């Protein structure tokens, strides 16, 4: 029996290149906010508000900051009920 040559079993493994892991960039850990064009249009500015409304808003801000603003739960319940009874 004649043997022409020995086949090397490990030869196919040497022929392929070993893939090295690539560095993956880490995502940014910063929060961001994007406001749509419609949202920008809805932005409430005090320039277009009537003076009566500005006075009421300012009064409410002062009451809230002073801790004097009281919420009437019965009024809220009545408004919610009237909305759903329509």
C-alpha atoms as a PDB file:
ATOM      1  CA  UNK A   1       0.000   0.000   0.000  1.00  0.00           C
ATOM      2  CA  UNK A   2       1.309   3.343  -1.029  1.00  0.00           C
ATOM      3  CA  UNK A   3       0.500   6.588   0.831  1.00  0.00           C
ATOM      4  CA  UNK A   4       0.888   9.667  -1.380  1.00  0.00           C
ATOM      5  CA  UNK A   5       0.807  12.229   1.361  1.00  0.00           C
ATOM      6  CA  UNK A   6      -0.610  12.978   4.687  1.00  0.00           C
ATOM      7  CA  UNK A   7      -3.482  15.402   4.782  1.00  0.00           C
ATOM      8  CA  UNK A   8      -3.225  17.762   7.605  1.00  0.00           C
ATOM      9  CA  UNK A   9      -6.438  17.968   9.556  1.00  0.00           C
ATOM     10  CA  UNK A  10      -5.705  21.390  11.047  1.00  0.00           C
ATOM     11  CA  UNK A  11      -4.986  23.065   7.690  1.00  0.00           C
ATOM     12  CA  UNK A  12      -8.539  24.416   7.088  1.00  0.00           C
ATOM     13  CA  UNK A  13      -8.471  26.112  10.479  1.00  0.00           C
ATOM     14  CA  UNK A  14      -5.215  27.880   9.695  1.00  0.00           C
ATOM     15  CA  UNK A  15      -6.587  29.125   6.382  1.00  0.00           C
ATOM     16  CA  UNK A  16      -9.402  31.107   7.977  1.00  0.00           C
ATOM     17  CA  UNK A  17      -8.539  34.308   9.714  1.00  0.00           C
ATOM     18  CA  UNK A  18      -9.554  34.685  13.316  1.00  0.00           C
ATOM     19  CA  UNK A  19     -11.988  37.560  13.776  1.00  0.00           C
ATOM     20  CA  UNK A  20     -10.824  39.970  16.413  1.00  0.00           C
ATOM     21  CA  UNK A  21     -13.530  41.685  18.442  1.00  0.00           C
ATOM     22  CA  UNK A  22     -14.006  45.289  17.441  1.00  0.00           C
ATOM     23  CA  UNK A  23     -14.445  48.067  19.905  1.00  0.00           C
ATOM     24  CA  UNK A  24     -18.036  49.189  20.103  1.00  0.00           C
ATOM     25  CA  UNK A  25     -18.600  52.824  20.890  1.00  0.00           C
ATOM     26  CA  UNK A  26     -20.742  53.349  23.937  1.00  0.00           C
ATOM     27  CA  UNK A  27     -23.959  55.305  23.429  1.00  0.00           C
ATOM     28  CA  UNK A  28     -24.170  58.765  24.874  1.00  0.00           C
ATOM     29  CA  UNK A  29     -25.584  58.816  28.378  1.00  0.00           C
ATOM     30  CA  UNK A  30     -27.097  62.258  28.005  1.00  0.00           C
ATOM     31  CA  UNK A  31     -30.821  62.869  27.897  1.00  0.00           C
ATOM     32  CA  UNK A  32     -32.217  64.934  25.091  1.00  0.00           C
ATOM     33  CA  UNK A  33     -35.571  66.467  24.294  1.00  0.00           C
ATOM     34  CA  UNK A  34     -36.945  67.292  20.881  1.00  0.00           C
ATOM     35  CA  UNK A  35     -39.991  69.532  20.569  1.00  0.00           C
ATOM     36  CA  UNK A  36     -42.019  69.308  17.388  1.00  0.00           C
ATOM     37  CA  UNK A  37     -42.963  72.324  15.325  1.00  0.00           C
ATOM     38  CA  UNK A  38     -46.563  71.986  16.507  1.00  0.00           C
ATOM     39  CA  UNK A  39     -45.362  71.909  20.096  1.00  0.00           C
ATOM     40  CA  UNK A  40     -43.394  75.086  19.557  1.00  0.00           C
ATOM     41  CA  UNK A  41     -46.481  76.743  18.121  1.00  0.00           C
ATOM     42  CA  UNK A  42     -48.420  75.782  21.241  1.00  0.00           C
ATOM     43  CA  UNK A  43     -45.801  77.361  23.464  1.00  0.00           C
ATOM     44  CA  UNK A  44     -47.694  79.762  25.656  1.00  0.00           C
ATOM     45  CA  UNK A  45     -46.199  83.183  25.940  1.00  0.00           C
ATOM     46  CA  UNK A  46     -47.449  85.987  28.109  1.00  0.00           C
ATOM     47  CA  UNK A  47     -47.376  88.459  25.216  1.00  0.00           C
ATOM     48  CA  UNK A  48     -50.767  87.360  23.883  1.00  0.00           C
ATOM     49  CA  UNK A  49     -52.529  86.932  27.229  1.00  0.00           C
ATOM     50  CA  UNK A  50     -55.053  89.454  28.476  1.00  0.00           C
ATOM     51  CA  UNK A  51     -54.003  91.407  31.570  1.00  0.00           C
ATOM     52  CA  UNK A  52     -56.826  89.839  33.638  1.00  0.00           C
ATOM     53  CA  UNK A  53     -55.491  86.371  32.889  1.00  0.00           C
ATOM     54  CA  UNK A  54     -51.928  87.426  33.750  1.00  0.00           C
ATOM     55  CA  UNK A  55     -53.098  88.812  37.090  1.00  0.00           C
ATOM     56  CA  UNK A  56     -54.952  85.588  37.925  1.00  0.00           C
ATOM     57  CA  UNK A  57     -51.958  83.424  36.963  1.00  0.00           C
ATOM     58  CA  UNK A  58     -49.640  85.566  39.071  1.00  0.00           C
ATOM     59  CA  UNK A  59     -52.022  85.369  42.042  1.00  0.00           C
ATOM     60  CA  UNK A  60     -52.173  81.572  41.753  1.00  0.00           C
ATOM     61  CA  UNK A  61     -48.374  81.335  41.555  1.00  0.00           C
ATOM     62  CA  UNK A  62     -48.033  83.371  44.750  1.00  0.00           C
ATOM     63  CA  UNK A  63     -50.593  81.223  46.575  1.00  0.00           C
ATOM     64  CA  UNK A  64     -48.914  77.996  45.476  1.00  0.00           C
ATOM     65  CA  UNK A  65     -45.462  79.223  46.496  1.00  0.00           C
ATOM     66  CA  UNK A  66     -46.780  80.354  49.891  1.00  0.00           C
ATOM     67  CA  UNK A  67     -48.574  77.029  50.438  1.00  0.00           C
ATOM     68  CA  UNK A  68     -51.960  78.756  50.683  1.00  0.00           C
ATOM     69  CA  UNK A  69     -53.569  77.293  47.561  1.00  0.00           C
ATOM     70  CA  UNK A  70     -56.362  74.911  48.525  1.00  0.00           C
ATOM     71  CA  UNK A  71     -57.941  72.484  46.084  1.00  0.00           C
ATOM     72  CA  UNK A  72     -61.670  71.795  46.452  1.00  0.00           C
ATOM     73  CA  UNK A  73     -62.140  68.105  45.577  1.00  0.00           C
ATOM     74  CA  UNK A  74     -65.922  68.513  45.324  1.00  0.00           C
ATOM     75  CA  UNK A  75     -65.566  71.114  42.568  1.00  0.00           C
ATOM     76  CA  UNK A  76     -63.189  68.844  40.666  1.00  0.00           C
ATOM     77  CA  UNK A  77     -65.571  65.886  41.018  1.00  0.00           C
ATOM     78  CA  UNK A  78     -68.510  68.006  39.850  1.00  0.00           C
ATOM     79  CA  UNK A  79     -66.590  69.163  36.745  1.00  0.00           C
ATOM     80  CA  UNK A  80     -65.551  65.603  35.888  1.00  0.00           C
ATOM     81  CA  UNK A  81     -69.118  64.340  36.365  1.00  0.00           C
ATOM     82  CA  UNK A  82     -70.575  67.131  34.203  1.00  0.00           C
ATOM     83  CA  UNK A  83     -68.080  66.324  31.451  1.00  0.00           C
ATOM     84  CA  UNK A  84     -69.153  62.682  31.269  1.00  0.00           C
ATOM     85  CA  UNK A  85     -72.878  63.429  31.577  1.00  0.00           C
ATOM     86  CA  UNK A  86     -72.948  65.282  28.262  1.00  0.00           C
END
